[in-house]
């Protein structure tokens, strides 16, 4: 299946990536990874989001950014591609983003659909 790709600049290099939208267990919070095409299909190169305790208040479309390796590069990538907006909800040094689910859907329709169905299950 064809997946729309985006250029991701990090650590001085640029690589083409696709987005993979999912959720964290057991919280059900939004999870996003960057994947690149490898020899055997798509392989993860970076986590865009990180799962933090439920005590951190977030809406369904909001997530904390993984600062571990490429935090500033991830934030720039999100802004440049209109994937979301940075929030003023700092949590122990992590930055939060309100993601545009319609925009994410353009890059991973299956992942966003599954995520949304999870949000509305009883």
PDB file of N, CA and C in Angstrom:
ATOM      1  N   UNK A   1       0.836  -1.175   0.000  1.00  0.00           N
ATOM      2  CA  UNK A   1       0.000   0.000   0.000  1.00  0.00           C
ATOM      3  C   UNK A   1       0.886   1.245   0.000  1.00  0.00           C
ATOM      4  N   UNK A   2       0.514   2.216  -0.806  1.00  0.00           N
ATOM      5  CA  UNK A   2       1.253   3.473  -0.896  1.00  0.00           C
ATOM      6  C   UNK A   2       1.037   4.306   0.362  1.00  0.00           C
ATOM      7  N   UNK A   3       2.091   4.892   0.872  1.00  0.00           N
ATOM      8  CA  UNK A   3       2.015   5.792   2.028  1.00  0.00           C
ATOM      9  C   UNK A   3       2.687   7.109   1.650  1.00  0.00           C
ATOM     10  N   UNK A   4       2.013   8.221   1.919  1.00  0.00           N
ATOM     11  CA  UNK A   4       2.598   9.537   1.668  1.00  0.00           C
ATOM     12  C   UNK A   4       3.827   9.723   2.549  1.00  0.00           C
ATOM     13  N   UNK A   5       4.884  10.245   1.945  1.00  0.00           N
ATOM     14  CA  UNK A   5       6.128  10.453   2.675  1.00  0.00           C
ATOM     15  C   UNK A   5       6.376  11.939   2.915  1.00  0.00           C
ATOM     16  N   UNK A   6       7.148  12.195   3.945  1.00  0.00           N
ATOM     17  CA  UNK A   6       7.542  13.550   4.319  1.00  0.00           C
ATOM     18  C   UNK A   6       9.047  13.578   4.554  1.00  0.00           C
ATOM     19  N   UNK A   7       9.724  14.689   4.225  1.00  0.00           N
ATOM     20  CA  UNK A   7      11.148  14.790   4.550  1.00  0.00           C
ATOM     21  C   UNK A   7      11.325  15.123   6.029  1.00  0.00           C
ATOM     22  N   UNK A   8      12.203  14.382   6.691  1.00  0.00           N
ATOM     23  CA  UNK A   8      12.493  14.613   8.106  1.00  0.00           C
ATOM     24  C   UNK A   8      13.970  14.931   8.243  1.00  0.00           C
ATOM     25  N   UNK A   9      14.268  16.151   8.716  1.00  0.00           N
ATOM     26  CA  UNK A   9      15.646  16.581   8.929  1.00  0.00           C
ATOM     27  C   UNK A   9      16.008  16.380  10.389  1.00  0.00           C
ATOM     28  N   UNK A  10      17.073  15.629  10.620  1.00  0.00           N
ATOM     29  CA  UNK A  10      17.533  15.415  11.992  1.00  0.00           C
ATOM     30  C   UNK A  10      19.014  15.094  11.993  1.00  0.00           C
ATOM     31  N   UNK A  11      19.686  15.581  13.002  1.00  0.00           N
ATOM     32  CA  UNK A  11      21.119  15.336  13.180  1.00  0.00           C
ATOM     33  C   UNK A  11      21.911  15.611  11.908  1.00  0.00           C
ATOM     34  N   UNK A  12      21.511  16.660  11.171  1.00  0.00           N
ATOM     35  CA  UNK A  12      22.237  17.068   9.982  1.00  0.00           C
ATOM     36  C   UNK A  12      21.944  16.292   8.716  1.00  0.00           C
ATOM     37  N   UNK A  13      20.986  15.384   8.737  1.00  0.00           N
ATOM     38  CA  UNK A  13      20.639  14.621   7.538  1.00  0.00           C
ATOM     39  C   UNK A  13      19.139  14.737   7.269  1.00  0.00           C
ATOM     40  N   UNK A  14      18.750  14.412   6.051  1.00  0.00           N
ATOM     41  CA  UNK A  14      17.334  14.394   5.682  1.00  0.00           C
ATOM     42  C   UNK A  14      16.990  13.010   5.166  1.00  0.00           C
ATOM     43  N   UNK A  15      15.891  12.469   5.658  1.00  0.00           N
ATOM     44  CA  UNK A  15      15.418  11.170   5.197  1.00  0.00           C
ATOM     45  C   UNK A  15      13.914  11.259   4.982  1.00  0.00           C
ATOM     46  N   UNK A  16      13.403  10.476   4.058  1.00  0.00           N
ATOM     47  CA  UNK A  16      11.966  10.440   3.804  1.00  0.00           C
ATOM     48  C   UNK A  16      11.326   9.471   4.792  1.00  0.00           C
ATOM     49  N   UNK A  17      10.236   9.906   5.411  1.00  0.00           N
ATOM     50  CA  UNK A  17       9.570   9.094   6.427  1.00  0.00           C
ATOM     51  C   UNK A  17       8.070   9.023   6.158  1.00  0.00           C
ATOM     52  N   UNK A  18       7.445   8.020   6.751  1.00  0.00           N
ATOM     53  CA  UNK A  18       5.988   7.933   6.807  1.00  0.00           C
ATOM     54  C   UNK A  18       5.601   7.947   8.280  1.00  0.00           C
ATOM     55  N   UNK A  19       4.364   8.329   8.548  1.00  0.00           N
ATOM     56  CA  UNK A  19       3.868   8.367   9.921  1.00  0.00           C
ATOM     57  C   UNK A  19       3.106   7.091  10.229  1.00  0.00           C
ATOM     58  N   UNK A  20       3.280   6.603  11.439  1.00  0.00           N
ATOM     59  CA  UNK A  20       2.495   5.465  11.932  1.00  0.00           C
ATOM     60  C   UNK A  20       1.785   5.927  13.199  1.00  0.00           C
ATOM     61  N   UNK A  21       0.443   5.957  13.134  1.00  0.00           N
ATOM     62  CA  UNK A  21      -0.366   6.403  14.266  1.00  0.00           C
ATOM     63  C   UNK A  21      -0.917   5.186  14.988  1.00  0.00           C
ATOM     64  N   UNK A  22      -0.801   5.195  16.294  1.00  0.00           N
ATOM     65  CA  UNK A  22      -1.319   4.107  17.115  1.00  0.00           C
ATOM     66  C   UNK A  22      -1.686   4.641  18.481  1.00  0.00           C
ATOM     67  N   UNK A  23      -1.618   3.774  19.481  1.00  0.00           N
ATOM     68  CA  UNK A  23      -1.925   4.194  20.847  1.00  0.00           C
ATOM     69  C   UNK A  23      -1.070   3.404  21.829  1.00  0.00           C
ATOM     70  N   UNK A  24      -0.912   3.987  22.992  1.00  0.00           N
ATOM     71  CA  UNK A  24      -0.179   3.332  24.067  1.00  0.00           C
ATOM     72  C   UNK A  24      -1.138   2.504  24.906  1.00  0.00           C
ATOM     73  N   UNK A  25      -0.631   1.390  25.407  1.00  0.00           N
ATOM     74  CA  UNK A  25      -1.399   0.554  26.342  1.00  0.00           C
ATOM     75  C   UNK A  25      -0.911   0.832  27.749  1.00  0.00           C
ATOM     76  N   UNK A  26      -1.702   0.839  28.751  1.00  0.00           N
ATOM     77  CA  UNK A  26      -3.156   0.684  28.721  1.00  0.00           C
ATOM     78  C   UNK A  26      -3.889   2.013  28.615  1.00  0.00           C
ATOM     79  N   UNK A  27      -3.140   3.131  28.509  1.00  0.00           N
ATOM     80  CA  UNK A  27      -3.757   4.460  28.583  1.00  0.00           C
ATOM     81  C   UNK A  27      -4.621   4.810  27.375  1.00  0.00           C
ATOM     82  N   UNK A  28      -4.310   4.237  26.214  1.00  0.00           N
ATOM     83  CA  UNK A  28      -5.041   4.576  24.998  1.00  0.00           C
ATOM     84  C   UNK A  28      -4.624   5.904  24.400  1.00  0.00           C
ATOM     85  N   UNK A  29      -3.563   6.510  24.953  1.00  0.00           N
ATOM     86  CA  UNK A  29      -3.112   7.808  24.447  1.00  0.00           C
ATOM     87  C   UNK A  29      -2.481   7.682  23.060  1.00  0.00           C
ATOM     88  N   UNK A  30      -2.505   8.805  22.351  1.00  0.00           N
ATOM     89  CA  UNK A  30      -1.979   8.901  20.999  1.00  0.00           C
ATOM     90  C   UNK A  30      -0.484   8.568  20.961  1.00  0.00           C
ATOM     91  N   UNK A  31      -0.110   7.695  20.038  1.00  0.00           N
ATOM     92  CA  UNK A  31       1.291   7.322  19.818  1.00  0.00           C
ATOM     93  C   UNK A  31       1.603   7.515  18.337  1.00  0.00           C
ATOM     94  N   UNK A  32       2.729   8.153  18.038  1.00  0.00           N
ATOM     95  CA  UNK A  32       3.119   8.377  16.644  1.00  0.00           C
ATOM     96  C   UNK A  32       4.595   8.039  16.490  1.00  0.00           C
ATOM     97  N   UNK A  33       4.896   7.246  15.459  1.00  0.00           N
ATOM     98  CA  UNK A  33       6.279   6.898  15.122  1.00  0.00           C
ATOM     99  C   UNK A  33       6.594   7.384  13.717  1.00  0.00           C
ATOM    100  N   UNK A  34       7.866   7.633  13.470  1.00  0.00           N
ATOM    101  CA  UNK A  34       8.356   7.918  12.131  1.00  0.00           C
ATOM    102  C   UNK A  34       9.002   6.643  11.611  1.00  0.00           C
ATOM    103  N   UNK A  35       8.609   6.249  10.402  1.00  0.00           N
ATOM    104  CA  UNK A  35       9.141   5.039   9.784  1.00  0.00           C
ATOM    105  C   UNK A  35       9.841   5.407   8.484  1.00  0.00           C
ATOM    106  N   UNK A  36      10.874   4.639   8.146  1.00  0.00           N
ATOM    107  CA  UNK A  36      11.510   4.794   6.837  1.00  0.00           C
ATOM    108  C   UNK A  36      11.503   3.449   6.139  1.00  0.00           C
ATOM    109  N   UNK A  37      11.560   3.496   4.818  1.00  0.00           N
ATOM    110  CA  UNK A  37      11.535   2.251   4.061  1.00  0.00           C
ATOM    111  C   UNK A  37      12.881   1.550   4.180  1.00  0.00           C
ATOM    112  N   UNK A  38      12.821   0.276   4.553  1.00  0.00           N
ATOM    113  CA  UNK A  38      14.023  -0.537   4.687  1.00  0.00           C
ATOM    114  C   UNK A  38      13.970  -1.710   3.726  1.00  0.00           C
ATOM    115  N   UNK A  39      14.856  -2.645   3.889  1.00  0.00           N
ATOM    116  CA  UNK A  39      14.912  -3.813   3.011  1.00  0.00           C
ATOM    117  C   UNK A  39      13.663  -4.675   3.092  1.00  0.00           C
ATOM    118  N   UNK A  40      13.039  -4.720   4.261  1.00  0.00           N
ATOM    119  CA  UNK A  40      11.900  -5.615   4.475  1.00  0.00           C
ATOM    120  C   UNK A  40      10.623  -4.857   4.811  1.00  0.00           C
ATOM    121  N   UNK A  41      10.472  -3.659   4.265  1.00  0.00           N
ATOM    122  CA  UNK A  41       9.296  -2.850   4.559  1.00  0.00           C
ATOM    123  C   UNK A  41       9.679  -1.652   5.412  1.00  0.00           C
ATOM    124  N   UNK A  42       8.693  -1.070   6.039  1.00  0.00           N
ATOM    125  CA  UNK A  42       8.941   0.119   6.854  1.00  0.00           C
ATOM    126  C   UNK A  42       9.519  -0.251   8.211  1.00  0.00           C
ATOM    127  N   UNK A  43      10.517   0.538   8.635  1.00  0.00           N
ATOM    128  CA  UNK A  43      11.193   0.310   9.910  1.00  0.00           C
ATOM    129  C   UNK A  43      11.168   1.602  10.722  1.00  0.00           C
ATOM    130  N   UNK A  44      10.970   1.509  12.038  1.00  0.00           N
ATOM    131  CA  UNK A  44      10.952   2.722  12.864  1.00  0.00           C
ATOM    132  C   UNK A  44      12.322   3.388  12.933  1.00  0.00           C
ATOM    133  N   UNK A  45      12.323   4.726  12.825  1.00  0.00           N
ATOM    134  CA  UNK A  45      13.580   5.457  13.023  1.00  0.00           C
ATOM    135  C   UNK A  45      13.492   6.391  14.226  1.00  0.00           C
ATOM    136  N   UNK A  46      12.274   6.813  14.597  1.00  0.00           N
ATOM    137  CA  UNK A  46      12.130   7.699  15.758  1.00  0.00           C
ATOM    138  C   UNK A  46      10.702   7.664  16.272  1.00  0.00           C
ATOM    139  N   UNK A  47      10.586   7.752  17.594  1.00  0.00           N
ATOM    140  CA  UNK A  47       9.263   7.940  18.195  1.00  0.00           C
ATOM    141  C   UNK A  47       9.007   9.439  18.233  1.00  0.00           C
ATOM    142  N   UNK A  48       7.835   9.825  17.796  1.00  0.00           N
ATOM    143  CA  UNK A  48       7.479  11.231  17.879  1.00  0.00           C
ATOM    144  C   UNK A  48       6.905  11.543  19.256  1.00  0.00           C
ATOM    145  N   UNK A  49       6.192  10.585  19.838  1.00  0.00           N
ATOM    146  CA  UNK A  49       5.516  10.805  21.115  1.00  0.00           C
ATOM    147  C   UNK A  49       6.069   9.876  22.184  1.00  0.00           C
ATOM    148  N   UNK A  50       5.738  10.193  23.436  1.00  0.00           N
ATOM    149  CA  UNK A  50       6.154   9.373  24.566  1.00  0.00           C
ATOM    150  C   UNK A  50       4.951   9.210  25.489  1.00  0.00           C
ATOM    151  N   UNK A  51       4.850   8.052  26.126  1.00  0.00           N
ATOM    152  CA  UNK A  51       3.744   7.758  27.030  1.00  0.00           C
ATOM    153  C   UNK A  51       4.129   8.179  28.445  1.00  0.00           C
ATOM    154  N   UNK A  52       3.386   9.111  28.997  1.00  0.00           N
ATOM    155  CA  UNK A  52       3.628   9.585  30.357  1.00  0.00           C
ATOM    156  C   UNK A  52       2.436   9.228  31.238  1.00  0.00           C
ATOM    157  N   UNK A  53       2.600   9.299  32.545  1.00  0.00           N
ATOM    158  CA  UNK A  53       1.522   8.900  33.456  1.00  0.00           C
ATOM    159  C   UNK A  53       0.198   9.605  33.174  1.00  0.00           C
ATOM    160  N   UNK A  54      -0.871   8.917  33.504  1.00  0.00           N
ATOM    161  CA  UNK A  54      -2.213   9.453  33.276  1.00  0.00           C
ATOM    162  C   UNK A  54      -2.468  10.726  34.073  1.00  0.00           C
ATOM    163  N   UNK A  55      -1.635  10.999  35.072  1.00  0.00           N
ATOM    164  CA  UNK A  55      -1.802  12.212  35.872  1.00  0.00           C
ATOM    165  C   UNK A  55      -1.599  13.476  35.039  1.00  0.00           C
ATOM    166  N   UNK A  56      -0.898  13.352  33.914  1.00  0.00           N
ATOM    167  CA  UNK A  56      -0.682  14.498  33.038  1.00  0.00           C
ATOM    168  C   UNK A  56      -1.935  14.682  32.176  1.00  0.00           C
ATOM    169  N   UNK A  57      -2.674  15.797  32.350  1.00  0.00           N
ATOM    170  CA  UNK A  57      -3.949  15.978  31.645  1.00  0.00           C
ATOM    171  C   UNK A  57      -3.774  16.276  30.161  1.00  0.00           C
ATOM    172  N   UNK A  58      -4.392  15.461  29.316  1.00  0.00           N
ATOM    173  CA  UNK A  58      -4.333  15.654  27.867  1.00  0.00           C
ATOM    174  C   UNK A  58      -5.666  15.285  27.239  1.00  0.00           C
ATOM    175  N   UNK A  59      -5.973  15.935  26.117  1.00  0.00           N
ATOM    176  CA  UNK A  59      -7.127  15.559  25.304  1.00  0.00           C
ATOM    177  C   UNK A  59      -6.698  14.408  24.392  1.00  0.00           C
ATOM    178  N   UNK A  60      -7.661  13.785  23.718  1.00  0.00           N
ATOM    179  CA  UNK A  60      -7.367  12.615  22.880  1.00  0.00           C
ATOM    180  C   UNK A  60      -6.352  12.916  21.779  1.00  0.00           C
ATOM    181  N   UNK A  61      -6.394  14.119  21.204  1.00  0.00           N
ATOM    182  CA  UNK A  61      -5.492  14.463  20.101  1.00  0.00           C
ATOM    183  C   UNK A  61      -4.166  15.048  20.577  1.00  0.00           C
ATOM    184  N   UNK A  62      -3.933  15.067  21.875  1.00  0.00           N
ATOM    185  CA  UNK A  62      -2.723  15.665  22.425  1.00  0.00           C
ATOM    186  C   UNK A  62      -1.750  14.595  22.914  1.00  0.00           C
ATOM    187  N   UNK A  63      -0.466  14.910  22.797  1.00  0.00           N
ATOM    188  CA  UNK A  63       0.561  13.960  23.233  1.00  0.00           C
ATOM    189  C   UNK A  63       1.823  14.721  23.621  1.00  0.00           C
ATOM    190  N   UNK A  64       2.633  14.068  24.439  1.00  0.00           N
ATOM    191  CA  UNK A  64       3.932  14.624  24.791  1.00  0.00           C
ATOM    192  C   UNK A  64       4.959  14.167  23.766  1.00  0.00           C
ATOM    193  N   UNK A  65       5.898  15.062  23.461  1.00  0.00           N
ATOM    194  CA  UNK A  65       6.929  14.789  22.466  1.00  0.00           C
ATOM    195  C   UNK A  65       8.103  14.086  23.129  1.00  0.00           C
ATOM    196  N   UNK A  66       8.636  13.090  22.427  1.00  0.00           N
ATOM    197  CA  UNK A  66       9.797  12.350  22.917  1.00  0.00           C
ATOM    198  C   UNK A  66      11.046  13.207  22.728  1.00  0.00           C
ATOM    199  N   UNK A  67      11.596  13.695  23.822  1.00  0.00           N
ATOM    200  CA  UNK A  67      12.780  14.559  23.782  1.00  0.00           C
ATOM    201  C   UNK A  67      14.091  13.784  23.742  1.00  0.00           C
ATOM    202  N   UNK A  68      14.038  12.472  23.843  1.00  0.00           N
ATOM    203  CA  UNK A  68      15.235  11.660  24.060  1.00  0.00           C
ATOM    204  C   UNK A  68      16.335  11.898  23.030  1.00  0.00           C
ATOM    205  N   UNK A  69      16.048  11.763  21.762  1.00  0.00           N
ATOM    206  CA  UNK A  69      17.104  11.864  20.759  1.00  0.00           C
ATOM    207  C   UNK A  69      16.952  13.062  19.838  1.00  0.00           C
ATOM    208  N   UNK A  70      15.757  13.264  19.334  1.00  0.00           N
ATOM    209  CA  UNK A  70      15.566  14.283  18.301  1.00  0.00           C
ATOM    210  C   UNK A  70      14.393  15.201  18.634  1.00  0.00           C
ATOM    211  N   UNK A  71      14.262  15.598  19.892  1.00  0.00           N
ATOM    212  CA  UNK A  71      13.125  16.386  20.358  1.00  0.00           C
ATOM    213  C   UNK A  71      12.891  17.676  19.596  1.00  0.00           C
ATOM    214  N   UNK A  72      13.931  18.518  19.452  1.00  0.00           N
ATOM    215  CA  UNK A  72      13.755  19.780  18.736  1.00  0.00           C
ATOM    216  C   UNK A  72      13.492  19.541  17.259  1.00  0.00           C
ATOM    217  N   UNK A  73      14.133  18.528  16.687  1.00  0.00           N
ATOM    218  CA  UNK A  73      13.898  18.192  15.285  1.00  0.00           C
ATOM    219  C   UNK A  73      12.460  17.717  15.076  1.00  0.00           C
ATOM    220  N   UNK A  74      11.934  16.956  16.022  1.00  0.00           N
ATOM    221  CA  UNK A  74      10.551  16.474  15.938  1.00  0.00           C
ATOM    222  C   UNK A  74       9.588  17.654  15.989  1.00  0.00           C
ATOM    223  N   UNK A  75       9.811  18.579  16.898  1.00  0.00           N
ATOM    224  CA  UNK A  75       8.935  19.740  17.029  1.00  0.00           C
ATOM    225  C   UNK A  75       8.948  20.578  15.753  1.00  0.00           C
ATOM    226  N   UNK A  76      10.123  20.795  15.182  1.00  0.00           N
ATOM    227  CA  UNK A  76      10.231  21.540  13.924  1.00  0.00           C
ATOM    228  C   UNK A  76       9.496  20.796  12.808  1.00  0.00           C
ATOM    229  N   UNK A  77       9.652  19.481  12.752  1.00  0.00           N
ATOM    230  CA  UNK A  77       8.980  18.643  11.754  1.00  0.00           C
ATOM    231  C   UNK A  77       7.458  18.791  11.872  1.00  0.00           C
ATOM    232  N   UNK A  78       6.946  18.768  13.087  1.00  0.00           N
ATOM    233  CA  UNK A  78       5.502  18.905  13.322  1.00  0.00           C
ATOM    234  C   UNK A  78       5.010  20.255  12.815  1.00  0.00           C
ATOM    235  N   UNK A  79       5.734  21.315  13.141  1.00  0.00           N
ATOM    236  CA  UNK A  79       5.333  22.666  12.731  1.00  0.00           C
ATOM    237  C   UNK A  79       5.430  22.847  11.221  1.00  0.00           C
ATOM    238  N   UNK A  80       6.546  22.418  10.625  1.00  0.00           N
ATOM    239  CA  UNK A  80       6.752  22.600   9.187  1.00  0.00           C
ATOM    240  C   UNK A  80       5.716  21.862   8.353  1.00  0.00           C
ATOM    241  N   UNK A  81       5.202  20.758   8.865  1.00  0.00           N
ATOM    242  CA  UNK A  81       4.238  19.955   8.118  1.00  0.00           C
ATOM    243  C   UNK A  81       2.802  20.145   8.603  1.00  0.00           C
ATOM    244  N   UNK A  82       2.583  21.157   9.425  1.00  0.00           N
ATOM    245  CA  UNK A  82       1.244  21.497   9.939  1.00  0.00           C
ATOM    246  C   UNK A  82       0.539  20.297  10.550  1.00  0.00           C
ATOM    247  N   UNK A  83       1.285  19.499  11.312  1.00  0.00           N
ATOM    248  CA  UNK A  83       0.717  18.305  11.945  1.00  0.00           C
ATOM    249  C   UNK A  83       0.095  18.616  13.302  1.00  0.00           C
ATOM    250  N   UNK A  84       0.443  19.752  13.893  1.00  0.00           N
ATOM    251  CA  UNK A  84      -0.094  20.106  15.202  1.00  0.00           C
ATOM    252  C   UNK A  84       0.518  21.392  15.708  1.00  0.00           C
ATOM    253  N   UNK A  85       0.074  21.779  16.915  1.00  0.00           N
ATOM    254  CA  UNK A  85       0.557  23.014  17.536  1.00  0.00           C
ATOM    255  C   UNK A  85       1.065  22.717  18.939  1.00  0.00           C
ATOM    256  N   UNK A  86       2.181  23.353  19.270  1.00  0.00           N
ATOM    257  CA  UNK A  86       2.756  23.176  20.606  1.00  0.00           C
ATOM    258  C   UNK A  86       1.836  23.787  21.661  1.00  0.00           C
ATOM    259  N   UNK A  87       1.683  23.085  22.763  1.00  0.00           N
ATOM    260  CA  UNK A  87       0.847  23.540  23.871  1.00  0.00           C
ATOM    261  C   UNK A  87       1.711  24.074  25.000  1.00  0.00           C
ATOM    262  N   UNK A  88       1.117  24.857  25.855  1.00  0.00           N
ATOM    263  CA  UNK A  88       1.844  25.344  27.031  1.00  0.00           C
ATOM    264  C   UNK A  88       1.472  24.486  28.239  1.00  0.00           C
ATOM    265  N   UNK A  89       1.699  23.175  28.094  1.00  0.00           N
ATOM    266  CA  UNK A  89       1.413  22.211  29.159  1.00  0.00           C
ATOM    267  C   UNK A  89       2.695  21.441  29.450  1.00  0.00           C
ATOM    268  N   UNK A  90       3.697  22.104  30.014  1.00  0.00           N
ATOM    269  CA  UNK A  90       4.933  21.369  30.294  1.00  0.00           C
ATOM    270  C   UNK A  90       4.713  20.333  31.391  1.00  0.00           C
ATOM    271  N   UNK A  91       5.366  19.211  31.245  1.00  0.00           N
ATOM    272  CA  UNK A  91       5.267  18.147  32.240  1.00  0.00           C
ATOM    273  C   UNK A  91       6.647  17.560  32.428  1.00  0.00           C
ATOM    274  N   UNK A  92       7.300  17.911  33.500  1.00  0.00           N
ATOM    275  CA  UNK A  92       8.631  17.395  33.831  1.00  0.00           C
ATOM    276  C   UNK A  92       9.603  17.484  32.654  1.00  0.00           C
ATOM    277  N   UNK A  93       9.609  18.634  31.978  1.00  0.00           N
ATOM    278  CA  UNK A  93      10.553  18.852  30.895  1.00  0.00           C
ATOM    279  C   UNK A  93      10.085  18.420  29.522  1.00  0.00           C
ATOM    280  N   UNK A  94       8.926  17.799  29.416  1.00  0.00           N
ATOM    281  CA  UNK A  94       8.405  17.378  28.115  1.00  0.00           C
ATOM    282  C   UNK A  94       7.520  18.466  27.533  1.00  0.00           C
ATOM    283  N   UNK A  95       7.521  18.566  26.212  1.00  0.00           N
ATOM    284  CA  UNK A  95       6.639  19.500  25.520  1.00  0.00           C
ATOM    285  C   UNK A  95       5.429  18.727  25.010  1.00  0.00           C
ATOM    286  N   UNK A  96       4.286  19.402  24.993  1.00  0.00           N
ATOM    287  CA  UNK A  96       3.053  18.768  24.527  1.00  0.00           C
ATOM    288  C   UNK A  96       2.614  19.402  23.211  1.00  0.00           C
ATOM    289  N   UNK A  97       1.938  18.600  22.390  1.00  0.00           N
ATOM    290  CA  UNK A  97       1.436  19.057  21.098  1.00  0.00           C
ATOM    291  C   UNK A  97      -0.011  18.622  20.945  1.00  0.00           C
ATOM    292  N   UNK A  98      -0.831  19.541  20.412  1.00  0.00           N
ATOM    293  CA  UNK A  98      -2.195  19.197  20.007  1.00  0.00           C
ATOM    294  C   UNK A  98      -2.111  18.850  18.526  1.00  0.00           C
ATOM    295  N   UNK A  99      -2.255  17.580  18.202  1.00  0.00           N
ATOM    296  CA  UNK A  99      -2.132  17.127  16.821  1.00  0.00           C
ATOM    297  C   UNK A  99      -3.433  17.336  16.060  1.00  0.00           C
ATOM    298  N   UNK A 100      -3.302  17.631  14.777  1.00  0.00           N
ATOM    299  CA  UNK A 100      -4.441  17.766  13.878  1.00  0.00           C
ATOM    300  C   UNK A 100      -4.736  16.370  13.321  1.00  0.00           C
ATOM    301  N   UNK A 101      -5.763  15.722  13.851  1.00  0.00           N
ATOM    302  CA  UNK A 101      -6.056  14.343  13.446  1.00  0.00           C
ATOM    303  C   UNK A 101      -6.447  14.246  11.976  1.00  0.00           C
ATOM    304  N   UNK A 102      -7.077  15.282  11.433  1.00  0.00           N
ATOM    305  CA  UNK A 102      -7.414  15.269   9.998  1.00  0.00           C
ATOM    306  C   UNK A 102      -6.141  15.261   9.161  1.00  0.00           C
ATOM    307  N   UNK A 103      -5.172  16.029   9.598  1.00  0.00           N
ATOM    308  CA  UNK A 103      -3.885  16.079   8.877  1.00  0.00           C
ATOM    309  C   UNK A 103      -3.140  14.748   9.025  1.00  0.00           C
ATOM    310  N   UNK A 104      -3.131  14.177  10.222  1.00  0.00           N
ATOM    311  CA  UNK A 104      -2.495  12.871  10.415  1.00  0.00           C
ATOM    312  C   UNK A 104      -3.168  11.807   9.556  1.00  0.00           C
ATOM    313  N   UNK A 105      -4.487  11.930   9.384  1.00  0.00           N
ATOM    314  CA  UNK A 105      -5.251  10.974   8.574  1.00  0.00           C
ATOM    315  C   UNK A 105      -4.727  10.935   7.135  1.00  0.00           C
ATOM    316  N   UNK A 106      -4.263  12.062   6.623  1.00  0.00           N
ATOM    317  CA  UNK A 106      -3.715  12.116   5.264  1.00  0.00           C
ATOM    318  C   UNK A 106      -2.498  11.198   5.119  1.00  0.00           C
ATOM    319  N   UNK A 107      -1.789  10.968   6.223  1.00  0.00           N
ATOM    320  CA  UNK A 107      -0.552  10.192   6.183  1.00  0.00           C
ATOM    321  C   UNK A 107      -0.703   8.772   6.712  1.00  0.00           C
ATOM    322  N   UNK A 108      -1.695   8.531   7.540  1.00  0.00           N
ATOM    323  CA  UNK A 108      -1.957   7.176   8.046  1.00  0.00           C
ATOM    324  C   UNK A 108      -3.453   7.016   8.335  1.00  0.00           C
ATOM    325  N   UNK A 109      -4.256   6.862   7.267  1.00  0.00           N
ATOM    326  CA  UNK A 109      -5.704   6.762   7.469  1.00  0.00           C
ATOM    327  C   UNK A 109      -6.111   5.572   8.334  1.00  0.00           C
ATOM    328  N   UNK A 110      -5.474   4.431   8.143  1.00  0.00           N
ATOM    329  CA  UNK A 110      -5.824   3.246   8.943  1.00  0.00           C
ATOM    330  C   UNK A 110      -5.505   3.462  10.420  1.00  0.00           C
ATOM    331  N   UNK A 111      -4.332   3.995  10.699  1.00  0.00           N
ATOM    332  CA  UNK A 111      -3.921   4.213  12.079  1.00  0.00           C
ATOM    333  C   UNK A 111      -4.814   5.213  12.802  1.00  0.00           C
ATOM    334  N   UNK A 112      -5.159   6.309  12.131  1.00  0.00           N
ATOM    335  CA  UNK A 112      -6.012   7.322  12.755  1.00  0.00           C
ATOM    336  C   UNK A 112      -7.415   6.771  12.972  1.00  0.00           C
ATOM    337  N   UNK A 113      -7.929   6.009  12.007  1.00  0.00           N
ATOM    338  CA  UNK A 113      -9.262   5.414  12.155  1.00  0.00           C
ATOM    339  C   UNK A 113      -9.303   4.480  13.356  1.00  0.00           C
ATOM    340  N   UNK A 114      -8.310   3.616  13.483  1.00  0.00           N
ATOM    341  CA  UNK A 114      -8.264   2.695  14.626  1.00  0.00           C
ATOM    342  C   UNK A 114      -8.140   3.458  15.941  1.00  0.00           C
ATOM    343  N   UNK A 115      -7.325   4.508  15.946  1.00  0.00           N
ATOM    344  CA  UNK A 115      -7.165   5.314  17.152  1.00  0.00           C
ATOM    345  C   UNK A 115      -8.487   5.964  17.548  1.00  0.00           C
ATOM    346  N   UNK A 116      -9.194   6.529  16.575  1.00  0.00           N
ATOM    347  CA  UNK A 116     -10.466   7.193  16.871  1.00  0.00           C
ATOM    348  C   UNK A 116     -11.509   6.196  17.367  1.00  0.00           C
ATOM    349  N   UNK A 117     -11.552   5.019  16.781  1.00  0.00           N
ATOM    350  CA  UNK A 117     -12.498   3.997  17.245  1.00  0.00           C
ATOM    351  C   UNK A 117     -12.208   3.608  18.690  1.00  0.00           C
ATOM    352  N   UNK A 118     -10.948   3.543  19.043  1.00  0.00           N
ATOM    353  CA  UNK A 118     -10.561   3.226  20.417  1.00  0.00           C
ATOM    354  C   UNK A 118     -11.050   4.301  21.392  1.00  0.00           C
ATOM    355  N   UNK A 119     -11.017   5.552  20.960  1.00  0.00           N
ATOM    356  CA  UNK A 119     -11.425   6.656  21.833  1.00  0.00           C
ATOM    357  C   UNK A 119     -12.913   6.616  22.163  1.00  0.00           C
ATOM    358  N   UNK A 120     -13.700   6.025  21.274  1.00  0.00           N
ATOM    359  CA  UNK A 120     -15.152   6.030  21.456  1.00  0.00           C
ATOM    360  C   UNK A 120     -15.723   4.684  21.863  1.00  0.00           C
ATOM    361  N   UNK A 121     -14.863   3.730  22.190  1.00  0.00           N
ATOM    362  CA  UNK A 121     -15.391   2.439  22.628  1.00  0.00           C
ATOM    363  C   UNK A 121     -15.911   2.568  24.063  1.00  0.00           C
ATOM    364  N   UNK A 122     -16.943   1.781  24.384  1.00  0.00           N
ATOM    365  CA  UNK A 122     -17.531   1.877  25.731  1.00  0.00           C
ATOM    366  C   UNK A 122     -16.618   1.333  26.816  1.00  0.00           C
TER     367      UNK A 122
END
